[in-house]
Amino acid sequence: MKRKKTAISATSVRLSAHERICAERMSTLIKTIDELRVDVKDLRSDMSKGKGIIYFIIFLGGIVTAVGSFFQFR
């Protein structure tokens, strides 16, 4: 028994082209999302460093104020 040859319709050609375009878009989106994740991690680490510096400056200011008030009331 011979198999029937199925003709490739215009719809299937357009569908495969659409799938190819969508796959390219998805890979671009995934790549962009991965880059954004790296950027967010960098920003978080920078913010943590900034908070640490601010806490250190406040601590030093407290020490300077304590020493200054000690010598003022002496």
PDB file of N, CA and C in Angstrom:
ATOM      1  N   MET A   1       0.822  -1.168   0.000  1.00  0.00           N
ATOM      2  CA  MET A   1       0.000   0.000   0.000  1.00  0.00           C
ATOM      3  C   MET A   1       0.878   1.249   0.000  1.00  0.00           C
ATOM      4  N   LYS A   2       0.641   2.140  -0.889  1.00  0.00           N
ATOM      5  CA  LYS A   2       1.427   3.366  -1.007  1.00  0.00           C
ATOM      6  C   LYS A   2       0.921   4.401  -0.022  1.00  0.00           C
ATOM      7  N   ARG A   3       1.879   5.140   0.486  1.00  0.00           N
ATOM      8  CA  ARG A   3       1.509   6.224   1.392  1.00  0.00           C
ATOM      9  C   ARG A   3       1.080   7.431   0.583  1.00  0.00           C
ATOM     10  N   LYS A   4       0.169   8.148   1.146  1.00  0.00           N
ATOM     11  CA  LYS A   4      -0.269   9.365   0.470  1.00  0.00           C
ATOM     12  C   LYS A   4       0.734  10.468   0.743  1.00  0.00           C
ATOM     13  N   LYS A   5       1.069  11.209  -0.242  1.00  0.00           N
ATOM     14  CA  LYS A   5       1.958  12.348  -0.069  1.00  0.00           C
ATOM     15  C   LYS A   5       1.132  13.517   0.439  1.00  0.00           C
ATOM     16  N   THR A   6       1.626  14.095   1.496  1.00  0.00           N
ATOM     17  CA  THR A   6       0.914  15.260   2.027  1.00  0.00           C
ATOM     18  C   THR A   6       1.597  16.502   1.493  1.00  0.00           C
ATOM     19  N   ALA A   7       0.825  17.334   0.934  1.00  0.00           N
ATOM     20  CA  ALA A   7       1.354  18.584   0.400  1.00  0.00           C
ATOM     21  C   ALA A   7       1.540  19.572   1.551  1.00  0.00           C
ATOM     22  N   ILE A   8       2.602  20.313   1.461  1.00  0.00           N
ATOM     23  CA  ILE A   8       2.849  21.335   2.478  1.00  0.00           C
ATOM     24  C   ILE A   8       1.993  22.533   2.126  1.00  0.00           C
ATOM     25  N   SER A   9       1.145  22.874   3.051  1.00  0.00           N
ATOM     26  CA  SER A   9       0.242  23.987   2.778  1.00  0.00           C
ATOM     27  C   SER A   9       0.912  25.301   3.151  1.00  0.00           C
ATOM     28  N   ALA A  10       0.352  26.360   2.664  1.00  0.00           N
ATOM     29  CA  ALA A  10       0.882  27.694   2.969  1.00  0.00           C
ATOM     30  C   ALA A  10       0.749  27.998   4.453  1.00  0.00           C
ATOM     31  N   THR A  11      -0.269  27.439   5.069  1.00  0.00           N
ATOM     32  CA  THR A  11      -0.478  27.673   6.498  1.00  0.00           C
ATOM     33  C   THR A  11       0.644  27.058   7.321  1.00  0.00           C
ATOM     34  N   SER A  12       1.069  25.867   6.979  1.00  0.00           N
ATOM     35  CA  SER A  12       2.138  25.228   7.739  1.00  0.00           C
ATOM     36  C   SER A  12       3.465  25.951   7.532  1.00  0.00           C
ATOM     37  N   VAL A  13       3.681  26.496   6.354  1.00  0.00           N
ATOM     38  CA  VAL A  13       4.904  27.263   6.096  1.00  0.00           C
ATOM     39  C   VAL A  13       4.900  28.539   6.934  1.00  0.00           C
ATOM     40  N   ARG A  14       3.751  29.216   6.955  1.00  0.00           N
ATOM     41  CA  ARG A  14       3.651  30.435   7.749  1.00  0.00           C
ATOM     42  C   ARG A  14       3.779  30.123   9.234  1.00  0.00           C
ATOM     43  N   LEU A  15       3.223  28.999   9.662  1.00  0.00           N
ATOM     44  CA  LEU A  15       3.300  28.615  11.063  1.00  0.00           C
ATOM     45  C   LEU A  15       4.731  28.321  11.473  1.00  0.00           C
ATOM     46  N   SER A  16       5.477  27.623  10.634  1.00  0.00           N
ATOM     47  CA  SER A  16       6.870  27.326  10.971  1.00  0.00           C
ATOM     48  C   SER A  16       7.704  28.608  10.995  1.00  0.00           C
ATOM     49  N   ALA A  17       7.412  29.536  10.105  1.00  0.00           N
ATOM     50  CA  ALA A  17       8.121  30.821  10.115  1.00  0.00           C
ATOM     51  C   ALA A  17       7.783  31.583  11.396  1.00  0.00           C
ATOM     52  N   HIS A  18       6.526  31.528  11.792  1.00  0.00           N
ATOM     53  CA  HIS A  18       6.099  32.200  13.022  1.00  0.00           C
ATOM     54  C   HIS A  18       6.775  31.583  14.242  1.00  0.00           C
ATOM     55  N   GLU A  19       6.866  30.256  14.271  1.00  0.00           N
ATOM     56  CA  GLU A  19       7.526  29.574  15.384  1.00  0.00           C
ATOM     57  C   GLU A  19       9.001  29.946  15.456  1.00  0.00           C
ATOM     58  N   ARG A  20       9.639  30.066  14.317  1.00  0.00           N
ATOM     59  CA  ARG A  20      11.047  30.439  14.268  1.00  0.00           C
ATOM     60  C   ARG A  20      11.240  31.852  14.821  1.00  0.00           C
ATOM     61  N   ILE A  21      10.377  32.772  14.415  1.00  0.00           N
ATOM     62  CA  ILE A  21      10.462  34.158  14.893  1.00  0.00           C
ATOM     63  C   ILE A  21      10.211  34.215  16.395  1.00  0.00           C
ATOM     64  N   CYS A  22       9.211  33.465  16.873  1.00  0.00           N
ATOM     65  CA  CYS A  22       8.903  33.450  18.304  1.00  0.00           C
ATOM     66  C   CYS A  22      10.049  32.851  19.111  1.00  0.00           C
ATOM     67  N   ALA A  23      10.679  31.826  18.595  1.00  0.00           N
ATOM     68  CA  ALA A  23      11.809  31.221  19.293  1.00  0.00           C
ATOM     69  C   ALA A  23      12.959  32.219  19.419  1.00  0.00           C
ATOM     70  N   GLU A  24      13.191  32.989  18.367  1.00  0.00           N
ATOM     71  CA  GLU A  24      14.244  34.000  18.412  1.00  0.00           C
ATOM     72  C   GLU A  24      13.898  35.077  19.435  1.00  0.00           C
ATOM     73  N   ARG A  25      12.660  35.498  19.463  1.00  0.00           N
ATOM     74  CA  ARG A  25      12.230  36.513  20.433  1.00  0.00           C
ATOM     75  C   ARG A  25      12.378  35.994  21.856  1.00  0.00           C
ATOM     76  N   MET A  26      11.989  34.761  22.081  1.00  0.00           N
ATOM     77  CA  MET A  26      12.089  34.190  23.424  1.00  0.00           C
ATOM     78  C   MET A  26      13.543  34.095  23.875  1.00  0.00           C
ATOM     79  N   SER A  27      14.422  33.696  22.980  1.00  0.00           N
ATOM     80  CA  SER A  27      15.836  33.613  23.361  1.00  0.00           C
ATOM     81  C   SER A  27      16.386  35.001  23.685  1.00  0.00           C
ATOM     82  N   THR A  28      15.942  36.011  22.949  1.00  0.00           N
ATOM     83  CA  THR A  28      16.360  37.386  23.231  1.00  0.00           C
ATOM     84  C   THR A  28      15.834  37.838  24.584  1.00  0.00           C
ATOM     85  N   LEU A  29      14.571  37.521  24.875  1.00  0.00           N
ATOM     86  CA  LEU A  29      13.989  37.890  26.169  1.00  0.00           C
ATOM     87  C   LEU A  29      14.704  37.199  27.323  1.00  0.00           C
ATOM     88  N   ILE A  30      15.006  35.930  27.166  1.00  0.00           N
ATOM     89  CA  ILE A  30      15.691  35.193  28.223  1.00  0.00           C
ATOM     90  C   ILE A  30      17.073  35.779  28.471  1.00  0.00           C
ATOM     91  N   LYS A  31      17.775  36.115  27.405  1.00  0.00           N
ATOM     92  CA  LYS A  31      19.101  36.713  27.535  1.00  0.00           C
ATOM     93  C   LYS A  31      19.016  38.058  28.255  1.00  0.00           C
ATOM     94  N   THR A  32      18.026  38.866  27.899  1.00  0.00           N
ATOM     95  CA  THR A  32      17.852  40.175  28.525  1.00  0.00           C
ATOM     96  C   THR A  32      17.506  40.032  30.004  1.00  0.00           C
ATOM     97  N   ILE A  33      16.652  39.082  30.338  1.00  0.00           N
ATOM     98  CA  ILE A  33      16.276  38.854  31.737  1.00  0.00           C
ATOM     99  C   ILE A  33      17.487  38.416  32.552  1.00  0.00           C
ATOM    100  N   ASP A  34      18.322  37.563  31.981  1.00  0.00           N
ATOM    101  CA  ASP A  34      19.536  37.141  32.687  1.00  0.00           C
ATOM    102  C   ASP A  34      20.468  38.321  32.944  1.00  0.00           C
ATOM    103  N   GLU A  35      20.607  39.209  31.964  1.00  0.00           N
ATOM    104  CA  GLU A  35      21.434  40.404  32.146  1.00  0.00           C
ATOM    105  C   GLU A  35      20.861  41.306  33.228  1.00  0.00           C
ATOM    106  N   LEU A  36      19.539  41.438  33.271  1.00  0.00           N
ATOM    107  CA  LEU A  36      18.902  42.260  34.295  1.00  0.00           C
ATOM    108  C   LEU A  36      19.124  41.674  35.685  1.00  0.00           C
ATOM    109  N   ARG A  37      19.095  40.356  35.795  1.00  0.00           N
ATOM    110  CA  ARG A  37      19.352  39.716  37.094  1.00  0.00           C
ATOM    111  C   ARG A  37      20.749  40.049  37.591  1.00  0.00           C
ATOM    112  N   VAL A  38      21.719  40.015  36.697  1.00  0.00           N
ATOM    113  CA  VAL A  38      23.090  40.349  37.079  1.00  0.00           C
ATOM    114  C   VAL A  38      23.167  41.803  37.528  1.00  0.00           C
ATOM    115  N   ASP A  39      22.497  42.697  36.794  1.00  0.00           N
ATOM    116  CA  ASP A  39      22.504  44.109  37.163  1.00  0.00           C
ATOM    117  C   ASP A  39      21.854  44.332  38.527  1.00  0.00           C
ATOM    118  N   VAL A  40      20.773  43.652  38.802  1.00  0.00           N
ATOM    119  CA  VAL A  40      20.088  43.800  40.093  1.00  0.00           C
ATOM    120  C   VAL A  40      20.990  43.309  41.223  1.00  0.00           C
ATOM    121  N   LYS A  41      21.697  42.207  41.008  1.00  0.00           N
ATOM    122  CA  LYS A  41      22.618  41.712  42.037  1.00  0.00           C
ATOM    123  C   LYS A  41      23.724  42.725  42.302  1.00  0.00           C
ATOM    124  N   ASP A  42      24.252  43.339  41.252  1.00  0.00           N
ATOM    125  CA  ASP A  42      25.282  44.361  41.416  1.00  0.00           C
ATOM    126  C   ASP A  42      24.747  45.566  42.193  1.00  0.00           C
ATOM    127  N   LEU A  43      23.536  45.997  41.860  1.00  0.00           N
ATOM    128  CA  LEU A  43      22.940  47.128  42.564  1.00  0.00           C
ATOM    129  C   LEU A  43      22.703  46.811  44.035  1.00  0.00           C
ATOM    130  N   ARG A  44      22.273  45.593  44.321  1.00  0.00           N
ATOM    131  CA  ARG A  44      22.070  45.205  45.721  1.00  0.00           C
ATOM    132  C   ARG A  44      23.368  45.247  46.501  1.00  0.00           C
ATOM    133  N   SER A  45      24.433  44.752  45.912  1.00  0.00           N
ATOM    134  CA  SER A  45      25.717  44.768  46.623  1.00  0.00           C
ATOM    135  C   SER A  45      26.204  46.199  46.817  1.00  0.00           C
ATOM    136  N   ASP A  46      25.999  47.060  45.822  1.00  0.00           N
ATOM    137  CA  ASP A  46      26.382  48.463  45.966  1.00  0.00           C
ATOM    138  C   ASP A  46      25.579  49.151  47.064  1.00  0.00           C
ATOM    139  N   MET A  47      24.290  48.848  47.142  1.00  0.00           N
ATOM    140  CA  MET A  47      23.451  49.445  48.179  1.00  0.00           C
ATOM    141  C   MET A  47      23.887  48.958  49.566  1.00  0.00           C
ATOM    142  N   SER A  48      24.247  47.702  49.680  1.00  0.00           N
ATOM    143  CA  SER A  48      24.707  47.181  50.965  1.00  0.00           C
ATOM    144  C   SER A  48      25.992  47.877  51.399  1.00  0.00           C
ATOM    145  N   LYS A  49      26.891  48.099  50.462  1.00  0.00           N
ATOM    146  CA  LYS A  49      28.126  48.813  50.773  1.00  0.00           C
ATOM    147  C   LYS A  49      27.822  50.238  51.207  1.00  0.00           C
ATOM    148  N   GLY A  50      26.897  50.886  50.519  1.00  0.00           N
ATOM    149  CA  GLY A  50      26.520  52.264  50.862  1.00  0.00           C
ATOM    150  C   GLY A  50      25.913  52.346  52.246  1.00  0.00           C
ATOM    151  N   LYS A  51      25.063  51.375  52.583  1.00  0.00           N
ATOM    152  CA  LYS A  51      24.471  51.356  53.929  1.00  0.00           C
ATOM    153  C   LYS A  51      25.559  51.187  54.982  1.00  0.00           C
ATOM    154  N   GLY A  52      26.516  50.345  54.714  1.00  0.00           N
ATOM    155  CA  GLY A  52      27.605  50.117  55.666  1.00  0.00           C
ATOM    156  C   GLY A  52      28.419  51.377  55.887  1.00  0.00           C
ATOM    157  N   ILE A  53      28.672  52.102  54.807  1.00  0.00           N
ATOM    158  CA  ILE A  53      29.438  53.346  54.921  1.00  0.00           C
ATOM    159  C   ILE A  53      28.660  54.369  55.732  1.00  0.00           C
ATOM    160  N   ILE A  54      27.360  54.471  55.484  1.00  0.00           N
ATOM    161  CA  ILE A  54      26.532  55.434  56.221  1.00  0.00           C
ATOM    162  C   ILE A  54      26.502  55.080  57.704  1.00  0.00           C
ATOM    163  N   TYR A  55      26.344  53.801  58.036  1.00  0.00           N
ATOM    164  CA  TYR A  55      26.344  53.380  59.441  1.00  0.00           C
ATOM    165  C   TYR A  55      27.686  53.695  60.103  1.00  0.00           C
ATOM    166  N   PHE A  56      28.768  53.506  59.380  1.00  0.00           N
ATOM    167  CA  PHE A  56      30.096  53.804  59.913  1.00  0.00           C
ATOM    168  C   PHE A  56      30.257  55.296  60.178  1.00  0.00           C
ATOM    169  N   ILE A  57      29.780  56.129  59.258  1.00  0.00           N
ATOM    170  CA  ILE A  57      29.871  57.584  59.448  1.00  0.00           C
ATOM    171  C   ILE A  57      29.035  58.023  60.651  1.00  0.00           C
ATOM    172  N   ILE A  58      27.858  57.447  60.811  1.00  0.00           N
ATOM    173  CA  ILE A  58      27.018  57.779  61.972  1.00  0.00           C
ATOM    174  C   ILE A  58      27.708  57.340  63.257  1.00  0.00           C
ATOM    175  N   PHE A  59      28.336  56.180  63.255  1.00  0.00           N
ATOM    176  CA  PHE A  59      29.063  55.690  64.423  1.00  0.00           C
ATOM    177  C   PHE A  59      30.211  56.632  64.781  1.00  0.00           C
ATOM    178  N   LEU A  60      30.979  57.046  63.777  1.00  0.00           N
ATOM    179  CA  LEU A  60      32.075  57.987  64.032  1.00  0.00           C
ATOM    180  C   LEU A  60      31.552  59.316  64.563  1.00  0.00           C
ATOM    181  N   GLY A  61      30.441  59.781  64.017  1.00  0.00           N
ATOM    182  CA  GLY A  61      29.847  61.029  64.510  1.00  0.00           C
ATOM    183  C   GLY A  61      29.434  60.910  65.962  1.00  0.00           C
ATOM    184  N   GLY A  62      28.908  59.751  66.342  1.00  0.00           N
ATOM    185  CA  GLY A  62      28.544  59.531  67.743  1.00  0.00           C
ATOM    186  C   GLY A  62      29.750  59.554  68.651  1.00  0.00           C
ATOM    187  N   ILE A  63      30.827  58.950  68.197  1.00  0.00           N
ATOM    188  CA  ILE A  63      32.058  58.950  69.002  1.00  0.00           C
ATOM    189  C   ILE A  63      32.593  60.370  69.147  1.00  0.00           C
ATOM    190  N   VAL A  64      32.642  61.118  68.059  1.00  0.00           N
ATOM    191  CA  VAL A  64      33.137  62.495  68.104  1.00  0.00           C
ATOM    192  C   VAL A  64      32.256  63.338  69.022  1.00  0.00           C
ATOM    193  N   THR A  65      30.959  63.164  68.957  1.00  0.00           N
ATOM    194  CA  THR A  65      30.038  63.908  69.820  1.00  0.00           C
ATOM    195  C   THR A  65      30.253  63.538  71.285  1.00  0.00           C
ATOM    196  N   ALA A  66      30.432  62.259  71.564  1.00  0.00           N
ATOM    197  CA  ALA A  66      30.657  61.827  72.939  1.00  0.00           C
ATOM    198  C   ALA A  66      31.954  62.398  73.491  1.00  0.00           C
ATOM    199  N   VAL A  67      33.014  62.346  72.698  1.00  0.00           N
ATOM    200  CA  VAL A  67      34.306  62.884  73.149  1.00  0.00           C
ATOM    201  C   VAL A  67      34.203  64.396  73.307  1.00  0.00           C
ATOM    202  N   GLY A  68      33.550  65.066  72.399  1.00  0.00           N
ATOM    203  CA  GLY A  68      33.402  66.529  72.507  1.00  0.00           C
ATOM    204  C   GLY A  68      32.595  66.935  73.722  1.00  0.00           C
ATOM    205  N   SER A  69      31.529  66.209  74.016  1.00  0.00           N
ATOM    206  CA  SER A  69      30.734  66.551  75.195  1.00  0.00           C
ATOM    207  C   SER A  69      31.473  66.220  76.479  1.00  0.00           C
ATOM    208  N   PHE A  70      32.318  65.190  76.445  1.00  0.00           N
ATOM    209  CA  PHE A  70      33.109  64.848  77.625  1.00  0.00           C
ATOM    210  C   PHE A  70      34.079  65.977  77.977  1.00  0.00           C
ATOM    211  N   PHE A  71      34.749  66.524  76.956  1.00  0.00           N
ATOM    212  CA  PHE A  71      35.720  67.596  77.220  1.00  0.00           C
ATOM    213  C   PHE A  71      35.024  68.928  77.491  1.00  0.00           C
ATOM    214  N   GLN A  72      33.825  69.110  77.016  1.00  0.00           N
ATOM    215  CA  GLN A  72      33.109  70.374  77.233  1.00  0.00           C
ATOM    216  C   GLN A  72      32.635  70.466  78.682  1.00  0.00           C
ATOM    217  N   PHE A  73      32.163  69.391  79.254  1.00  0.00           N
ATOM    218  CA  PHE A  73      31.621  69.419  80.620  1.00  0.00           C
ATOM    219  C   PHE A  73      32.671  69.097  81.672  1.00  0.00           C
ATOM    220  N   ARG A  74      33.872  68.971  81.315  1.00  0.00           N
ATOM    221  CA  ARG A  74      34.927  68.616  82.245  1.00  0.00           C
ATOM    222  C   ARG A  74      35.416  69.772  83.029  1.00  0.00           C
TER     223      ARG A  74
END
